[in-house]
N, C-alpha and C. Protein backbone atom coordinates (compact mmCIF):
# COMPACT_ATOMS: atom_id res chain seq x y z
N MET A 1 128.06 92.12 61.82
CA MET A 1 127.58 90.85 62.33
C MET A 1 126.36 90.53 62.06
N ASN A 2 125.78 89.76 61.36
CA ASN A 2 124.44 89.14 60.95
C ASN A 2 123.71 88.62 62.41
N THR A 3 122.60 88.90 62.21
CA THR A 3 121.56 88.20 63.14
C THR A 3 121.85 87.01 63.89
N THR A 4 121.71 86.10 62.65
CA THR A 4 122.41 84.74 63.00
C THR A 4 123.55 84.39 63.99
N ILE A 5 124.63 85.13 63.43
CA ILE A 5 125.98 84.93 64.22
C ILE A 5 125.80 85.70 65.51
N ARG A 6 125.03 87.11 65.63
CA ARG A 6 125.21 87.65 66.67
C ARG A 6 124.34 86.72 67.70
N GLY A 7 123.01 86.21 67.24
CA GLY A 7 122.23 85.40 68.43
C GLY A 7 122.95 84.43 68.67
N ARG A 8 123.59 83.67 68.13
CA ARG A 8 124.87 82.65 68.58
C ARG A 8 125.91 82.81 69.36
N LYS A 9 126.50 83.96 69.33
CA LYS A 9 127.34 84.66 70.20
C LYS A 9 126.60 85.02 71.32
N GLY A 10 125.61 85.56 71.34
CA GLY A 10 124.93 86.28 72.50
C GLY A 10 124.14 84.64 73.33
N GLU A 11 124.00 83.76 72.65
CA GLU A 11 123.88 82.55 73.56
C GLU A 11 124.81 81.97 74.35
N ASP A 12 126.22 81.84 73.84
CA ASP A 12 127.46 81.47 73.90
C ASP A 12 127.84 82.13 75.21
N LEU A 13 127.70 83.86 75.08
CA LEU A 13 127.69 84.60 76.46
C LEU A 13 126.85 84.35 77.49
N ALA A 14 125.66 84.09 77.14
CA ALA A 14 124.66 83.63 78.08
C ALA A 14 124.85 82.51 78.73
N ALA A 15 125.34 81.32 78.01
CA ALA A 15 125.75 80.02 78.63
C ALA A 15 127.09 80.39 79.60
N GLU A 16 127.74 80.90 79.16
CA GLU A 16 128.95 81.14 79.92
C GLU A 16 128.76 81.58 81.28
N SER A 17 127.83 82.96 81.24
CA SER A 17 127.35 83.30 82.39
C SER A 17 126.70 82.40 83.44
N TYR A 18 125.80 81.40 82.87
CA TYR A 18 125.14 80.38 83.82
C TYR A 18 126.25 79.33 84.26
N GLN A 19 127.35 79.20 83.78
CA GLN A 19 128.05 78.12 83.94
C GLN A 19 129.04 78.65 85.16
N LYS A 20 129.05 80.14 84.94
CA LYS A 20 130.06 80.65 85.88
C LYS A 20 129.37 80.71 87.28
N GLN A 21 127.96 80.60 87.29
CA GLN A 21 126.83 80.61 88.50
C GLN A 21 126.63 79.45 89.02
N GLY A 22 127.46 78.26 88.34
CA GLY A 22 127.44 76.99 88.48
C GLY A 22 126.40 75.96 87.87
N PHE A 23 125.81 76.65 87.12
CA PHE A 23 124.59 75.66 86.32
C PHE A 23 125.17 74.77 85.24
N ALA A 24 124.72 74.05 85.04
CA ALA A 24 125.18 72.82 83.94
C ALA A 24 124.33 73.21 82.61
N VAL A 25 124.62 73.42 81.43
CA VAL A 25 123.85 73.76 80.40
C VAL A 25 123.56 72.15 79.76
N LEU A 26 122.14 72.10 79.83
CA LEU A 26 121.89 70.74 79.32
C LEU A 26 121.68 70.73 77.86
N LYS A 27 120.94 72.06 77.52
CA LYS A 27 120.75 71.87 75.89
C LYS A 27 120.37 73.57 75.61
N ARG A 28 120.84 73.31 74.32
CA ARG A 28 120.71 74.72 73.47
C ARG A 28 119.92 74.61 72.59
N ASN A 29 119.10 75.59 72.34
CA ASN A 29 118.36 75.70 71.26
C ASN A 29 117.36 74.47 70.99
N TYR A 30 116.77 74.14 72.17
CA TYR A 30 115.71 72.96 72.37
C TYR A 30 114.64 73.27 71.43
N ARG A 31 114.19 72.57 70.70
CA ARG A 31 112.80 72.89 69.82
C ARG A 31 111.59 71.76 70.61
N PHE A 32 110.40 72.37 70.34
CA PHE A 32 109.52 71.41 70.73
C PHE A 32 107.98 72.42 69.80
N GLY A 33 107.81 71.63 69.03
CA GLY A 33 106.76 72.29 67.74
C GLY A 33 107.36 73.47 67.29
N ARG A 34 106.72 74.58 67.36
CA ARG A 34 107.29 75.99 66.93
C ARG A 34 107.97 76.68 67.80
N ALA A 35 108.03 76.12 69.11
CA ALA A 35 108.60 76.77 70.20
C ALA A 35 110.09 76.36 69.99
N GLU A 36 111.16 77.42 70.70
CA GLU A 36 112.57 76.98 70.83
C GLU A 36 113.05 77.83 71.96
N VAL A 37 113.66 77.01 72.61
CA VAL A 37 113.90 77.47 73.97
C VAL A 37 115.83 77.46 73.82
N ASP A 38 116.35 78.89 73.93
CA ASP A 38 117.71 79.17 73.90
C ASP A 38 118.46 78.34 74.67
N ILE A 39 118.25 78.39 76.02
CA ILE A 39 119.29 77.43 76.97
C ILE A 39 118.35 76.90 77.72
N ILE A 40 118.65 75.59 78.16
CA ILE A 40 118.12 74.84 79.40
C ILE A 40 119.36 74.49 80.14
N ALA A 41 119.12 75.05 81.21
CA ALA A 41 120.45 74.75 82.49
C ALA A 41 119.89 74.41 83.83
N LYS A 42 120.68 73.68 84.62
CA LYS A 42 120.37 73.04 85.97
C LYS A 42 121.54 73.08 86.53
N LYS A 43 120.75 73.47 88.08
CA LYS A 43 121.72 73.75 89.11
C LYS A 43 120.79 73.05 90.13
N ASP A 44 121.40 72.13 90.66
CA ASP A 44 120.71 71.57 92.11
C ASP A 44 119.31 70.93 91.41
N ASP A 45 118.18 71.61 92.31
CA ASP A 45 116.82 71.18 91.81
C ASP A 45 116.25 72.52 91.24
N THR A 46 117.05 73.44 90.65
CA THR A 46 116.36 74.45 89.59
C THR A 46 116.87 74.34 88.11
N LEU A 47 115.75 74.06 87.20
CA LEU A 47 115.93 74.35 85.87
C LEU A 47 115.63 75.54 85.29
N ALA A 48 116.43 76.35 84.81
CA ALA A 48 116.40 77.71 84.30
C ALA A 48 116.19 77.56 82.56
N ILE A 49 115.10 77.88 82.24
CA ILE A 49 114.38 78.03 80.74
C ILE A 49 114.82 79.57 80.46
N VAL A 50 115.78 79.52 79.71
CA VAL A 50 116.26 80.81 79.37
C VAL A 50 116.06 81.14 77.74
N GLU A 51 115.68 82.50 77.95
CA GLU A 51 115.56 83.44 76.19
C GLU A 51 116.49 84.24 76.40
N VAL A 52 117.17 84.53 75.32
CA VAL A 52 118.44 85.39 75.05
C VAL A 52 117.83 86.57 74.37
N LYS A 53 118.12 87.65 74.69
CA LYS A 53 117.74 88.75 73.63
C LYS A 53 118.61 89.69 73.68
N TRP A 54 119.36 90.02 72.43
CA TRP A 54 120.26 91.13 72.66
C TRP A 54 120.01 92.41 71.38
N ARG A 55 120.22 93.52 72.17
CA ARG A 55 120.09 94.75 71.06
C ARG A 55 121.13 95.42 71.06
N SER A 56 121.57 96.27 70.18
CA SER A 56 122.76 97.26 70.10
C SER A 56 122.48 98.24 71.00
N ASN A 57 121.55 98.59 71.34
CA ASN A 57 121.11 99.73 72.48
C ASN A 57 119.47 99.74 72.73
N ASN A 58 119.36 100.36 73.77
CA ASN A 58 117.94 100.39 74.40
C ASN A 58 117.20 101.30 74.02
N TYR A 59 117.09 102.05 72.79
CA TYR A 59 116.59 103.21 72.33
C TYR A 59 115.32 103.18 72.59
N PHE A 60 114.72 101.84 71.81
CA PHE A 60 113.35 101.23 71.61
C PHE A 60 112.93 100.42 72.96
N GLY A 61 113.74 100.44 74.19
CA GLY A 61 113.20 99.57 74.88
C GLY A 61 114.51 98.49 75.29
N ASP A 62 114.34 97.88 76.61
CA ASP A 62 115.19 97.02 77.06
C ASP A 62 114.82 95.63 76.72
N PRO A 63 115.95 94.72 75.95
CA PRO A 63 115.74 93.73 75.25
C PRO A 63 114.51 92.85 76.17
N GLN A 64 114.48 92.44 77.29
CA GLN A 64 113.75 91.78 78.01
C GLN A 64 112.11 92.22 77.35
N SER A 65 111.84 93.57 77.09
CA SER A 65 110.76 93.97 76.80
C SER A 65 110.33 93.11 75.30
N PHE A 66 110.90 92.67 74.76
CA PHE A 66 110.53 92.24 73.76
C PHE A 66 110.31 90.72 73.37
N VAL A 67 110.05 89.91 74.76
CA VAL A 67 109.57 88.71 74.96
C VAL A 67 107.91 88.86 74.96
N SER A 68 107.58 88.65 74.01
CA SER A 68 106.08 88.76 74.01
C SER A 68 105.16 87.69 74.70
N LYS A 69 104.05 87.97 75.24
CA LYS A 69 103.04 87.07 75.85
C LYS A 69 102.94 85.64 75.00
N LYS A 70 102.72 85.80 73.72
CA LYS A 70 102.85 84.73 72.75
C LYS A 70 104.23 83.87 72.86
N GLN A 71 105.32 84.67 73.01
CA GLN A 71 106.44 83.89 73.28
C GLN A 71 106.63 83.17 74.70
N GLN A 72 106.08 83.86 75.39
CA GLN A 72 106.20 83.38 76.87
C GLN A 72 105.30 82.16 76.73
N ARG A 73 104.29 81.87 76.44
CA ARG A 73 103.30 80.93 75.94
C ARG A 73 104.19 79.50 75.37
N SER A 74 104.84 79.74 74.62
CA SER A 74 105.75 78.86 73.66
C SER A 74 106.85 78.26 74.52
N LEU A 75 107.30 79.23 75.20
CA LEU A 75 108.30 78.89 76.13
C LEU A 75 107.82 77.87 77.24
N ILE A 76 106.68 78.21 78.07
CA ILE A 76 106.28 77.39 78.82
C ILE A 76 105.78 75.88 78.48
N THR A 77 105.37 75.88 76.99
CA THR A 77 104.82 74.55 76.46
C THR A 77 106.09 73.74 76.38
N ALA A 78 106.88 74.37 75.82
CA ALA A 78 108.45 73.53 75.44
C ALA A 78 108.86 73.28 76.75
N ALA A 79 109.19 74.18 77.82
CA ALA A 79 109.30 73.49 78.96
C ALA A 79 108.73 72.48 79.83
N ASN A 80 107.44 72.55 79.86
CA ASN A 80 106.54 71.37 80.17
C ASN A 80 107.02 69.90 79.47
N HIS A 81 107.13 70.44 78.13
CA HIS A 81 107.62 68.96 77.47
C HIS A 81 108.69 68.47 77.80
N TYR A 82 109.95 69.36 77.83
CA TYR A 82 111.23 68.72 78.17
C TYR A 82 111.05 68.50 79.70
N VAL A 83 110.61 68.94 80.67
CA VAL A 83 110.74 68.70 81.87
C VAL A 83 109.87 67.16 81.92
N ASN A 84 108.41 66.87 81.14
CA ASN A 84 107.86 65.64 81.35
C ASN A 84 108.55 64.42 80.79
N SER A 85 109.15 64.72 79.58
CA SER A 85 109.78 64.03 78.68
C SER A 85 111.29 63.05 79.15
N ASN A 86 111.80 64.00 80.09
CA ASN A 86 112.92 63.65 80.91
C ASN A 86 112.62 63.30 82.30
N GLY A 87 111.14 63.38 82.53
CA GLY A 87 111.19 62.79 83.87
C GLY A 87 111.59 63.38 85.22
N LEU A 88 111.78 64.83 85.01
CA LEU A 88 112.35 65.72 86.26
C LEU A 88 111.42 66.08 86.99
N ASP A 89 111.98 66.23 88.25
CA ASP A 89 111.17 66.47 89.46
C ASP A 89 112.11 67.99 90.07
N VAL A 90 111.88 69.06 89.36
CA VAL A 90 112.46 70.17 89.32
C VAL A 90 111.78 71.43 89.81
N HIS A 91 112.25 72.86 90.01
CA HIS A 91 111.58 73.79 90.30
C HIS A 91 111.94 74.45 88.83
N VAL A 92 111.08 74.89 88.23
CA VAL A 92 111.46 75.53 86.96
C VAL A 92 111.25 77.22 87.04
N ARG A 93 112.16 77.81 86.40
CA ARG A 93 112.10 79.35 86.41
C ARG A 93 112.06 79.47 85.11
N PHE A 94 111.72 80.81 84.76
CA PHE A 94 111.84 81.25 83.15
C PHE A 94 112.83 82.59 83.31
N ASP A 95 114.08 82.76 82.61
CA ASP A 95 114.81 83.80 83.02
C ASP A 95 114.97 84.27 81.29
N ILE A 96 115.34 85.63 81.41
CA ILE A 96 115.51 86.36 80.41
C ILE A 96 116.95 86.71 80.43
N VAL A 97 118.05 86.59 79.44
CA VAL A 97 119.24 87.24 79.55
C VAL A 97 119.22 88.43 78.41
N SER A 98 119.37 89.41 79.18
CA SER A 98 119.52 90.98 78.29
C SER A 98 120.83 91.19 78.01
N ILE A 99 120.80 91.26 76.54
CA ILE A 99 122.29 91.92 76.22
C ILE A 99 122.22 92.89 75.53
N VAL A 100 123.10 94.11 75.94
CA VAL A 100 122.98 95.55 75.17
C VAL A 100 124.35 96.00 74.83
N GLY A 101 124.74 96.39 73.60
CA GLY A 101 125.81 96.78 73.36
C GLY A 101 126.41 96.27 72.11
N LYS A 102 127.34 96.42 71.53
CA LYS A 102 128.10 95.73 70.61
C LYS A 102 129.43 95.45 71.04
N GLN A 103 129.79 94.20 70.32
CA GLN A 103 130.93 93.43 70.79
C GLN A 103 132.31 94.59 70.65
N PRO A 104 133.21 94.49 71.33
CA PRO A 104 133.29 93.72 72.61
C PRO A 104 132.90 94.27 73.87
N LYS A 105 132.30 95.51 73.83
CA LYS A 105 131.47 96.04 75.15
C LYS A 105 129.99 95.88 75.12
N VAL A 106 129.85 94.74 75.97
CA VAL A 106 128.38 94.60 75.93
C VAL A 106 128.23 94.33 77.51
N ASP A 107 126.69 94.55 77.90
CA ASP A 107 126.01 94.63 79.01
C ASP A 107 125.09 93.43 79.48
N ILE A 108 125.57 92.41 80.07
CA ILE A 108 124.70 91.19 80.23
C ILE A 108 124.01 91.35 81.72
N GLN A 109 122.62 90.97 81.49
CA GLN A 109 122.10 90.86 82.77
C GLN A 109 121.08 89.89 82.50
N ILE A 110 121.26 88.88 83.72
CA ILE A 110 120.19 87.62 83.87
C ILE A 110 119.14 88.16 84.83
N ILE A 111 118.02 87.92 84.21
CA ILE A 111 117.13 88.47 84.69
C ILE A 111 116.16 87.05 85.34
N GLU A 112 116.20 86.85 86.74
CA GLU A 112 115.66 85.75 86.98
C GLU A 112 114.22 85.54 87.22
N ASN A 113 113.44 84.51 87.07
CA ASN A 113 112.12 84.60 87.22
C ASN A 113 111.46 85.73 86.24
N ALA A 114 111.77 85.97 85.12
CA ALA A 114 111.39 87.07 84.58
C ALA A 114 109.86 87.00 83.98
N PHE A 115 109.09 86.14 84.07
CA PHE A 115 107.92 85.70 84.21
C PHE A 115 107.47 84.40 84.38
N TYR A 116 106.04 84.33 84.84
CA TYR A 116 105.70 82.93 85.66
C TYR A 116 104.86 82.38 84.66
N PRO A 117 104.78 80.94 85.03
CA PRO A 117 104.10 80.09 83.99
C PRO A 117 102.46 80.32 83.80
N PHE A 118 101.76 81.15 85.04
CA PHE A 118 100.60 81.10 84.75
C PHE A 118 99.99 82.70 84.40
N LEU A 119 99.99 82.39 83.02
CA LEU A 119 99.51 83.67 81.95
C LEU A 119 97.94 83.53 81.74
């Protein structure tokens, strides 16, 4: 499976996980400037800005450790744009979905509040 297909499948798995928790997936692959948010999901007054990371194994570290400070800043910028453009009054949290393994056996973990917007 190439990285594009695996990335799309990872986003599908993550979106399903959020929907099972009662979230509505509002956007996928939201772009603002150079930033891209994999998933934007909402439940009640919480907006989850989600980055999905999938690795075949965690030999070189957990997938969430591959979200750099620069990428975090980009996600924060894109989230601010989305919230302001849509006039939302919500609590924003930044989640990372960590996927480890190969299909069909994968371990999916949602890390809520993986980082905070005051870097």
